[in-house]
Each structure stands twice: as C-alpha cells, then as structure tokens.
Amino acid sequence: MTAAQVVMKEVKGYHWFVKFMIFLVVLGAAAALSRFVLGLGATTNLDDTYPWGLWVSFDVVTAVPLAAGAFTLGAIVHCFHIKKLEPLVRPAIVTGFLGYSLVCVGLLLDLGQPQRGWHVLYYWNLHSPMFEVSMCVMAYTTVLFLEFLSPVAEKFGWNIPLRILRWLEMPLVILAASISTLHQSSLGTFFLIAVDKLHNLWYNPLLPLLFWVSAICTGMCIIIVEATATHKWMDQPNEGILLRTLAKILPWTLGLYISLRIYSLVALSARPLFDNPLLTLLFTIEFGAGFVLPFFMFLYRDVRNSDSLRVTAATLVVCGLILNRFNVSMFGMMDTSHVYYPSLIESLVTIGIITAHILFFVLIAKYFPIFEHHPETVDYSIPDSFGKIDDKHGKSTSPVSNNEPAVGIS
C-alpha cells in the first residue's frame, strides 16, 4: 500500500466534522491562491482609504493576542513556579505555534509585494513598529516551534534531542515572554499615529500597555476555553481543578486592565467620547460585556468552580478582546461616507485560517502526546524511567509513549 493510499484510508476514518474542516481549509487555500494570481485589487475591497481590512484586523491584530496563552502560561508555570498548571502548557504551546504560524500566512497575503517580504530581514528600519512586530513574530514563531519539538521528539523516541530541548526549556520560556511583551505592545503602537482618525474611545497613549495587558487576560481565558472544549469533545481529562487556579488569577489581570482603561478615558482623553451612538454601543458591548461583566463573574467562587460558568466568563473575555481589536483597527476608524466590508475572497481566506487552526490542533492532538503529563522529576536519560504510569491521570509518562489520546475524530 502506497503512502497516498495510507493517508486516504486514514482520512476516510475521520469524523464527518473533521472532513468538513478539511474542505473549508482547501477552499480557503484556493481563495488565497486566487489572491496571488489576480492581485489584491481584484480579490479584496481594500483601497487607499482602507489599506488594512479583515486580514489585518483579525488574522494579525486579533489572532496574535488570541495565541498569547503560550507565553502567559509558560511564565506562570516556570517563572512563578506554579507547577501544578504544567499539564496545560503543551496544549497552550501548540495553540500558540499554530496561531503565530497562521498569522505569518495572513501577513504574507496582505503584502502588496509578497515576493519582497524577505526585505525586512535585510533592510532594517529600527524606528518602525512594523519592523519590530515582524521580527518579533518571526522570532517568537521560531521559539514556539522549538518548544513544540518536545512532543515530536517523544513521539519518535529521539532521546538526545529531547534532553537538549529539556535543557533549553527555561531559556526558551524567558525568551518567549520577552519577545511577546515587545510585539503584543507594539501592535498598539501601530495605531498611535492615527491621532485624527481613530475615535477617542480607543485612541490614547496607553494603547501599547492596554494591548499587552488585554493579551495576558485573553491568553488565560483561551486556555480555559480550550481545556474545557478538549474535555468535552476530545475525551481528555477534566482539568477543572487547574482551571480554577487560572480563574483566581483573572480578577487581578482583568482589574488591572479595567483600571487602566478607565484612567485612559478619564485622564487622557481630550475630545468628545460618546458623540457617535454606534461607536458608543460597540464600546459598551466590548468593555461592559467583554471585560467588566466577566471580572465580576470571576470574583465569585461558584463561577470559578463551575465548568459551565467559568467557560462562559472566559468566552466573554475572548469575545470582548476580538471586538476591541476590531474597534481599534477597523470600526473606530470607519468613514461613514465610505464603508469597508470584506470581499468573498477575504472572508473565505479568514474562515480557512480559523478552520486550519482548529483542524491542525485536532490532528496534532491525535498523533502527538500533547496531553501527556510530564512531572519535573522524570529523568529522560534513565531507561528504567520509561513506561511509568501517572496514577492521577492513568497515562504513561514515557517520552516515547505511543499512546494516542482519543480525540473523537476516528
């Protein structure tokens, strides 16, 4: 049986929803190909008034903070030594790696001259926030790739590379936190030049700090949503006890963000705030339902201890972050006499990118041990340590374990 036949046989055994996601990814790839063949002008509704549209607003400005769970959880576990949260790190790293990889795809699609994308590596503009973001995204994607190699090495029994990756674990975590801090805040720096274009509800000098703090909040909420979803639909253990710890941290980070946001509105805004009814409504939904409401929800123990209420509060934060990024990058700068809306090609590409993220996560979870628990005390250089069983979760802690977690796709 040829390799292609083996692959087709494996795909035929997938759940129908996974097959549907594969179809959406292929459709998005075809739409992306048409963008390169026909050009931006023929496939998008971008123009001189709106040079940044859906691909920047969602695929970059929104997707980057949505992938912030990797550096947030890595810092919590390794820098603040909250080791009990370590089982959540690997899925967060996979989510971050996929998120940043697809951000790079979105950036490439949005470039007017994609064949010159490599110029950023050769012609340095040290005064440009775009330069900083592009370099940091490339560097952080590389770091996430190195962190992702650990389960790959375990899957194939590459013991020497695995020991090297374990030795590099702490430097990589520190590097990831440093790089992420730079580019998460620099995304907010982009919009500081829009002094007379971005509405005063969102424009203020604290935009870089607000972008960074909101990314930290959303990173932890994404982990809650992801862990709850994998338990419900992929038959993974219920990590409710670990998620309660994250839920206890969230009121502090959300409280910091809300305080900074109120201060920026009260003390740093000189122009009218609530002069546009539509923007006022968007701001109220974003800030009230997306940040203030979940802040009060996470204050209650019953919410933190309830799987359904906890994931509801976390989902509100995620939706609030998405709306915030669209308000800053699109709605808050919209010209009422010339309204931008994404074309069919833009929409299909974005749907394909979102679906690819979910699909690749499911497939990686099926074929690699990203849900395996790895206690810090395991010595990977001692063969006798292979095959030990984690009594709490009933899973093998072997770095070469061939046990595949059930993900409900076959």
Protein backbone atom coordinates (compact mmCIF):
# COMPACT_ATOMS: atom_id res chain seq x y z
CA MET A 1 0.00 0.00 0.00
CA THR A 2 1.44 3.35 -1.05
CA ALA A 3 1.79 6.32 1.30
CA ALA A 4 -1.03 8.16 -0.50
CA GLN A 5 -3.34 5.17 -0.02
CA VAL A 6 -2.48 5.01 3.66
CA VAL A 7 -3.27 8.70 4.05
CA MET A 8 -6.58 8.39 2.20
CA LYS A 9 -7.57 5.40 4.32
CA GLU A 10 -6.78 7.37 7.47
CA VAL A 11 -8.77 10.39 6.27
CA LYS A 12 -11.79 8.22 5.44
CA GLY A 13 -11.89 7.14 9.08
CA TYR A 14 -12.16 10.72 10.37
CA HIS A 15 -15.32 12.16 11.87
CA TRP A 16 -17.54 14.00 9.37
CA PHE A 17 -16.87 17.33 11.07
CA VAL A 18 -13.11 16.90 10.59
CA LYS A 19 -13.75 16.17 6.90
CA PHE A 20 -15.83 19.34 6.70
CA MET A 21 -12.97 21.34 8.24
CA ILE A 22 -10.59 19.87 5.67
CA PHE A 23 -12.96 21.07 2.94
CA LEU A 24 -13.02 24.62 4.41
CA VAL A 25 -9.22 24.68 4.62
CA VAL A 26 -8.91 23.60 0.98
CA LEU A 27 -11.46 26.25 -0.01
CA GLY A 28 -9.52 28.90 1.91
CA ALA A 29 -6.27 27.79 0.27
CA ALA A 30 -7.88 28.12 -3.17
CA ALA A 31 -9.08 31.63 -2.27
CA ALA A 32 -5.56 32.52 -1.10
CA LEU A 33 -4.13 31.23 -4.36
CA SER A 34 -6.53 33.44 -6.32
CA ARG A 35 -5.25 36.43 -4.32
CA PHE A 36 -1.69 35.74 -5.51
CA VAL A 37 -2.78 35.12 -9.10
CA LEU A 38 -5.18 38.06 -9.52
CA GLY A 39 -3.71 40.53 -7.00
CA LEU A 40 -5.10 42.47 -4.04
CA GLY A 41 -7.19 44.89 -6.10
CA ALA A 42 -9.21 42.20 -7.86
CA THR A 43 -9.78 39.93 -4.85
CA THR A 44 -10.26 42.35 -1.93
CA ASN A 45 -12.19 45.52 -1.11
CA LEU A 46 -9.08 47.28 0.13
CA ASP A 47 -8.27 50.74 -1.20
CA ASP A 48 -6.41 53.91 -0.27
CA THR A 49 -8.97 54.70 2.46
CA TYR A 50 -8.85 51.19 3.94
CA PRO A 51 -5.43 49.67 3.19
CA TRP A 52 -5.91 47.37 6.20
CA GLY A 53 -9.03 45.23 6.22
CA LEU A 54 -10.18 41.88 7.58
CA TRP A 55 -6.84 40.15 7.13
CA VAL A 56 -5.04 42.63 9.36
CA SER A 57 -7.89 43.21 11.80
CA PHE A 58 -8.48 39.54 12.52
CA ASP A 59 -5.64 37.44 11.12
CA VAL A 60 -2.97 39.68 12.72
CA VAL A 61 -4.22 42.25 15.24
CA THR A 62 -6.72 39.81 16.78
CA ALA A 63 -5.02 36.43 16.22
CA VAL A 64 -1.78 37.48 17.93
CA PRO A 65 -3.34 38.13 21.38
CA LEU A 66 -5.58 35.06 20.97
CA ALA A 67 -2.38 33.00 20.78
CA ALA A 68 -0.96 34.63 23.92
CA GLY A 69 -1.78 31.65 26.14
CA ALA A 70 1.60 30.04 25.40
CA PHE A 71 3.81 32.79 26.81
CA THR A 72 1.33 33.62 29.60
CA LEU A 73 1.08 30.07 30.92
CA GLY A 74 4.77 29.41 30.37
CA ALA A 75 5.64 32.41 32.53
CA ILE A 76 3.12 31.38 35.21
CA VAL A 77 4.42 27.81 35.41
CA HIS A 78 8.17 28.29 35.03
CA CYS A 79 8.81 31.83 36.27
CA PHE A 80 6.25 31.93 39.10
CA HIS A 81 6.71 28.20 39.85
CA ILE A 82 3.02 27.26 39.81
CA LYS A 83 3.96 23.75 38.68
CA LYS A 84 0.53 22.23 39.09
CA LEU A 85 -0.55 24.08 35.93
CA GLU A 86 2.10 22.36 33.83
CA PRO A 87 -0.34 19.88 32.19
CA LEU A 88 -1.90 22.89 30.46
CA VAL A 89 1.37 24.15 28.97
CA ARG A 90 1.72 21.83 25.98
CA PRO A 91 -1.74 22.42 24.52
CA ALA A 92 -1.16 26.16 25.00
CA ILE A 93 2.17 25.93 23.15
CA VAL A 94 0.54 24.08 20.26
CA THR A 95 -2.22 26.70 20.13
CA GLY A 96 0.35 29.49 20.15
CA PHE A 97 2.53 27.86 17.50
CA LEU A 98 -0.42 27.32 15.18
CA GLY A 99 -1.73 30.81 15.84
CA TYR A 100 1.54 32.54 15.03
CA SER A 101 2.20 30.33 12.00
CA LEU A 102 -1.17 31.31 10.56
CA VAL A 103 -0.51 34.97 11.46
CA CYS A 104 2.53 34.75 9.19
CA VAL A 105 0.25 33.41 6.44
CA GLY A 106 -2.14 36.33 6.94
CA LEU A 107 0.73 38.82 6.81
CA LEU A 108 2.05 37.30 3.60
CA LEU A 109 -1.39 37.52 1.99
CA ASP A 110 -1.80 41.18 2.92
CA LEU A 111 1.54 42.31 1.49
CA GLY A 112 1.23 44.24 -1.74
CA GLN A 113 4.54 42.75 -2.94
CA PRO A 114 4.81 39.40 -1.08
CA GLN A 115 7.87 38.39 -3.12
CA ARG A 116 9.71 41.20 -1.30
CA GLY A 117 8.72 40.05 2.17
CA TRP A 118 12.27 38.93 2.87
CA HIS A 119 13.42 42.58 2.64
CA VAL A 120 12.52 43.08 6.31
CA LEU A 121 15.44 40.80 7.19
CA TYR A 122 17.89 42.81 5.11
CA TYR A 123 16.69 46.43 5.15
CA TRP A 124 16.24 47.27 8.82
CA ASN A 125 14.10 50.22 9.87
CA LEU A 126 14.77 50.43 13.60
CA HIS A 127 12.26 53.27 14.08
CA SER A 128 9.28 51.35 12.69
CA PRO A 129 6.88 49.41 14.94
CA MET A 130 6.09 47.25 11.88
CA PHE A 131 9.73 46.19 11.79
CA GLU A 132 9.66 45.28 15.47
CA VAL A 133 6.44 43.29 15.15
CA SER A 134 7.62 41.42 12.05
CA MET A 135 10.96 40.49 13.63
CA CYS A 136 9.38 39.53 16.95
CA VAL A 137 6.67 37.43 15.29
CA MET A 138 9.29 35.53 13.31
CA ALA A 139 11.47 35.08 16.39
CA TYR A 140 8.58 34.01 18.61
CA THR A 141 7.27 31.57 15.99
CA THR A 142 10.74 30.01 15.97
CA VAL A 143 10.73 29.75 19.77
CA LEU A 144 7.28 28.13 19.75
CA PHE A 145 8.46 25.69 17.09
CA LEU A 146 11.39 24.66 19.31
CA GLU A 147 9.02 24.22 22.26
CA PHE A 148 6.67 22.18 20.07
CA LEU A 149 9.50 19.82 19.13
CA SER A 150 9.42 18.15 22.57
CA PRO A 151 6.29 16.05 21.91
CA VAL A 152 7.60 15.35 18.39
CA ALA A 153 10.84 14.01 19.86
CA GLU A 154 8.89 11.92 22.35
CA LYS A 155 6.65 10.51 19.64
CA PHE A 156 9.59 9.24 17.60
CA GLY A 157 11.88 8.38 20.53
CA TRP A 158 14.56 10.98 19.77
CA ASN A 159 16.10 10.92 23.25
CA ILE A 160 19.17 13.12 22.68
CA PRO A 161 17.23 16.00 21.03
CA LEU A 162 14.65 15.62 23.80
CA ARG A 163 17.29 16.09 26.51
CA ILE A 164 18.61 19.18 24.68
CA LEU A 165 15.10 20.63 24.43
CA ARG A 166 14.53 19.98 28.14
CA TRP A 167 17.76 21.79 28.93
CA LEU A 168 16.65 24.74 26.77
CA GLU A 169 13.18 24.85 28.32
CA MET A 170 13.75 27.70 30.79
CA PRO A 171 15.74 29.93 28.37
CA LEU A 172 13.00 29.44 25.78
CA VAL A 173 10.30 30.39 28.29
CA ILE A 174 12.16 33.57 29.26
CA LEU A 175 12.82 34.42 25.61
CA ALA A 176 9.16 33.80 24.72
CA ALA A 177 7.90 36.10 27.48
CA SER A 178 10.34 38.85 26.46
CA ILE A 179 9.56 38.70 22.74
CA SER A 180 5.82 38.51 23.33
CA THR A 181 5.88 41.56 25.58
CA LEU A 182 7.57 43.51 22.80
CA HIS A 183 5.27 42.67 19.92
CA GLN A 184 2.00 42.45 21.85
CA SER A 185 2.51 46.06 22.93
CA SER A 186 3.85 47.13 19.53
CA LEU A 187 0.56 46.15 17.92
CA GLY A 188 -0.96 49.00 19.93
CA THR A 189 1.87 51.30 18.85
CA PHE A 190 0.66 50.91 15.24
CA PHE A 191 -2.42 52.98 15.97
CA LEU A 192 -0.76 55.83 17.87
CA ILE A 193 -0.13 57.53 14.54
CA ALA A 194 -3.91 57.63 13.85
CA VAL A 195 -4.37 60.73 16.01
CA ASP A 196 -7.17 62.29 13.98
CA LYS A 197 -8.59 59.07 12.54
CA LEU A 198 -9.14 56.65 15.45
CA HIS A 199 -12.09 57.60 17.66
CA ASN A 200 -11.26 58.89 21.12
CA LEU A 201 -12.98 55.95 22.82
CA TRP A 202 -9.98 53.88 21.79
CA TYR A 203 -7.19 56.31 20.97
CA ASN A 204 -4.90 57.12 23.90
CA PRO A 205 -1.16 56.99 24.70
CA LEU A 206 -1.65 53.82 26.75
CA LEU A 207 -2.63 51.70 23.75
CA PRO A 208 0.60 49.62 23.81
CA LEU A 209 0.17 48.84 27.53
CA LEU A 210 -3.55 48.11 27.09
CA PHE A 211 -2.81 45.73 24.22
CA TRP A 212 -0.28 43.83 26.32
CA VAL A 213 -2.42 43.53 29.46
CA SER A 214 -5.51 42.50 27.48
CA ALA A 215 -3.44 39.83 25.70
CA ILE A 216 -2.44 38.35 29.06
CA CYS A 217 -6.08 38.26 30.20
CA THR A 218 -7.22 36.68 26.96
CA GLY A 219 -4.36 34.17 26.92
CA MET A 220 -5.55 32.67 30.20
CA CYS A 221 -9.17 32.69 29.03
CA ILE A 222 -8.25 30.92 25.80
CA ILE A 223 -6.64 28.18 27.89
CA ILE A 224 -9.86 27.81 29.90
CA VAL A 225 -11.97 27.60 26.74
CA GLU A 226 -9.55 25.21 25.04
CA ALA A 227 -9.20 22.87 28.04
CA THR A 228 -12.98 22.76 28.51
CA ALA A 229 -13.53 22.03 24.80
CA THR A 230 -10.92 19.26 24.68
CA HIS A 231 -12.52 17.64 27.72
CA LYS A 232 -15.99 17.81 26.18
CA TRP A 233 -15.26 16.90 22.57
CA MET A 234 -11.87 15.13 22.65
CA ASP A 235 -12.33 12.89 25.70
CA GLN A 236 -9.44 14.42 27.64
CA PRO A 237 -9.35 14.55 31.45
CA ASN A 238 -11.31 17.33 33.13
CA GLU A 239 -8.72 19.89 34.22
CA GLY A 240 -11.28 21.82 36.28
CA ILE A 241 -9.04 21.95 39.37
CA LEU A 242 -6.21 23.53 37.37
CA LEU A 243 -8.55 25.94 35.60
CA ARG A 244 -9.82 27.20 38.95
CA THR A 245 -6.30 28.41 39.67
CA LEU A 246 -6.29 30.43 36.44
CA ALA A 247 -9.76 31.74 37.30
CA LYS A 248 -8.38 33.03 40.61
CA ILE A 249 -5.68 35.00 38.78
CA LEU A 250 -8.01 36.51 36.20
CA PRO A 251 -9.76 39.06 38.51
CA TRP A 252 -6.36 40.65 39.16
CA THR A 253 -5.37 40.94 35.49
CA LEU A 254 -8.86 41.98 34.40
CA GLY A 255 -8.99 44.50 37.24
CA LEU A 256 -5.67 45.98 36.10
CA TYR A 257 -6.91 46.27 32.51
CA ILE A 258 -10.23 47.85 33.55
CA SER A 259 -8.42 50.36 35.79
CA LEU A 260 -6.02 51.34 33.01
CA ARG A 261 -8.89 51.64 30.54
CA ILE A 262 -10.95 53.89 32.82
CA TYR A 263 -7.91 56.03 33.59
CA SER A 264 -7.15 56.45 29.89
CA LEU A 265 -10.74 57.56 29.23
CA VAL A 266 -10.99 59.95 32.17
CA ALA A 267 -7.50 61.45 32.32
CA LEU A 268 -6.06 61.10 28.82
CA SER A 269 -8.99 61.91 26.53
CA ALA A 270 -9.40 65.48 25.34
CA ARG A 271 -12.02 65.07 22.62
CA PRO A 272 -15.69 64.03 22.95
CA LEU A 273 -16.17 60.37 23.85
CA PHE A 274 -19.82 59.49 23.33
CA ASP A 275 -20.69 61.57 20.29
CA ASN A 276 -21.32 58.61 17.98
CA PRO A 277 -24.22 56.32 19.00
CA LEU A 278 -22.98 53.29 17.05
CA LEU A 279 -19.43 53.51 18.40
CA THR A 280 -20.81 54.10 21.90
CA LEU A 281 -22.80 50.88 21.58
CA LEU A 282 -19.76 48.95 20.35
CA PHE A 283 -17.68 50.32 23.23
CA THR A 284 -20.38 49.41 25.77
CA ILE A 285 -20.60 45.83 24.49
CA GLU A 286 -16.83 45.45 24.31
CA PHE A 287 -15.94 46.96 27.67
CA GLY A 288 -19.06 46.12 29.67
CA ALA A 289 -19.87 42.61 28.46
CA GLY A 290 -16.34 41.65 27.43
CA PHE A 291 -14.34 42.78 30.46
CA VAL A 292 -16.35 44.27 33.33
CA LEU A 293 -19.01 41.52 33.49
CA PRO A 294 -16.52 38.60 33.47
CA PHE A 295 -14.40 40.47 36.04
CA PHE A 296 -17.29 40.36 38.50
CA MET A 297 -18.12 36.79 37.49
CA PHE A 298 -14.60 35.57 38.27
CA LEU A 299 -14.81 37.18 41.71
CA TYR A 300 -17.39 34.58 42.77
CA ARG A 301 -16.19 31.17 43.88
CA ASP A 302 -19.27 29.47 42.45
CA VAL A 303 -18.35 30.78 39.00
CA ARG A 304 -14.72 29.70 39.31
CA ASN A 305 -15.73 26.21 40.43
CA SER A 306 -18.41 25.67 37.79
CA ASP A 307 -17.19 24.37 34.44
CA SER A 308 -20.05 25.97 32.51
CA LEU A 309 -19.98 29.36 34.25
CA ARG A 310 -16.18 29.53 34.16
CA VAL A 311 -16.00 28.88 30.42
CA THR A 312 -18.86 31.34 29.85
CA ALA A 313 -16.93 34.12 31.62
CA ALA A 314 -13.75 33.20 29.72
CA THR A 315 -15.62 33.23 26.41
CA LEU A 316 -16.94 36.72 27.18
CA VAL A 317 -13.37 37.95 27.62
CA VAL A 318 -12.30 36.36 24.34
CA CYS A 319 -15.24 37.97 22.50
CA GLY A 320 -14.50 41.30 24.21
CA LEU A 321 -10.89 41.14 23.03
CA ILE A 322 -11.95 40.34 19.46
CA LEU A 323 -14.40 43.26 19.40
CA ASN A 324 -11.79 45.56 20.96
CA ARG A 325 -9.25 44.78 18.26
CA PHE A 326 -11.84 45.32 15.52
CA ASN A 327 -12.93 48.58 17.15
CA VAL A 328 -9.35 49.83 17.20
CA SER A 329 -8.25 48.60 13.78
CA MET A 330 -11.47 48.98 11.79
CA PHE A 331 -14.73 50.27 13.31
CA GLY A 332 -13.16 53.15 15.24
CA MET A 333 -11.65 54.49 12.01
CA MET A 334 -14.58 53.82 9.69
CA ASP A 335 -15.60 56.59 7.34
CA THR A 336 -19.42 56.73 7.29
CA SER A 337 -19.39 58.03 3.72
CA HIS A 338 -17.25 55.13 2.55
CA VAL A 339 -17.86 51.92 4.50
CA TYR A 340 -15.48 48.96 4.09
CA TYR A 341 -16.75 45.40 4.03
CA PRO A 342 -14.65 42.32 3.25
CA SER A 343 -14.94 40.62 -0.12
CA LEU A 344 -15.85 36.97 -0.58
CA ILE A 345 -12.20 36.06 -1.12
CA GLU A 346 -11.15 37.85 2.08
CA SER A 347 -13.88 36.09 4.05
CA LEU A 348 -13.06 32.63 2.66
CA VAL A 349 -9.36 33.07 3.44
CA THR A 350 -10.10 34.11 7.03
CA ILE A 351 -12.54 31.22 7.51
CA GLY A 352 -9.90 28.89 6.13
CA ILE A 353 -7.27 30.21 8.52
CA ILE A 354 -9.55 29.86 11.56
CA THR A 355 -10.57 26.35 10.50
CA ALA A 356 -6.95 25.37 9.81
CA HIS A 357 -6.05 26.34 13.38
CA ILE A 358 -8.74 24.05 14.82
CA LEU A 359 -8.07 21.23 12.35
CA PHE A 360 -4.31 21.17 12.89
CA PHE A 361 -4.78 21.24 16.66
CA VAL A 362 -7.09 18.21 16.48
CA LEU A 363 -4.70 16.30 14.22
CA ILE A 364 -1.66 17.13 16.35
CA ALA A 365 -3.58 16.02 19.43
CA LYS A 366 -4.37 12.74 17.68
CA TYR A 367 -0.85 11.88 16.59
CA PHE A 368 1.39 13.53 19.21
CA PRO A 369 1.41 13.36 23.04
CA ILE A 370 0.49 16.95 23.77
CA PHE A 371 -1.86 15.95 26.60
CA GLU A 372 0.67 13.73 28.32
CA HIS A 373 1.68 14.80 31.83
CA HIS A 374 5.41 15.12 32.41
CA PRO A 375 6.50 15.56 36.06
CA GLU A 376 9.64 17.61 36.53
CA THR A 377 11.28 14.72 38.41
CA VAL A 378 11.36 12.37 35.39
CA ASP A 379 14.96 11.76 34.20
CA TYR A 380 14.82 11.10 30.48
CA SER A 381 18.36 9.76 30.41
CA ILE A 382 17.47 6.68 32.52
CA PRO A 383 15.82 3.90 30.52
CA ASP A 384 14.15 2.47 33.65
CA SER A 385 12.03 5.62 33.91
CA PHE A 386 10.38 4.80 30.59
CA GLY A 387 6.86 3.50 30.82
CA LYS A 388 5.97 4.76 34.31
CA ILE A 389 2.31 5.43 34.89
CA ASP A 390 0.89 8.65 36.23
CA ASP A 391 -1.57 7.34 38.81
CA LYS A 392 -3.58 10.54 38.90
CA HIS A 393 -4.38 10.61 35.22
CA GLY A 394 -3.75 7.00 34.27
CA LYS A 395 -1.44 7.95 31.43
CA SER A 396 2.06 6.91 30.52
CA THR A 397 4.80 9.44 31.27
CA SER A 398 7.16 7.79 28.84
CA PRO A 399 8.76 10.24 26.38
CA VAL A 400 8.36 7.62 23.66
CA SER A 401 4.84 6.61 24.57
CA ASN A 402 2.78 5.55 21.60
CA ASN A 403 -0.49 6.04 23.43
CA GLU A 404 -2.61 8.39 21.39
CA PRO A 405 -5.23 10.46 23.17
CA ALA A 406 -8.76 9.93 21.99
CA VAL A 407 -9.88 12.97 20.09
CA GLY A 408 -13.10 11.69 18.65
CA ILE A 409 -12.08 12.03 15.00
CA SER A 410 -11.77 8.41 14.01
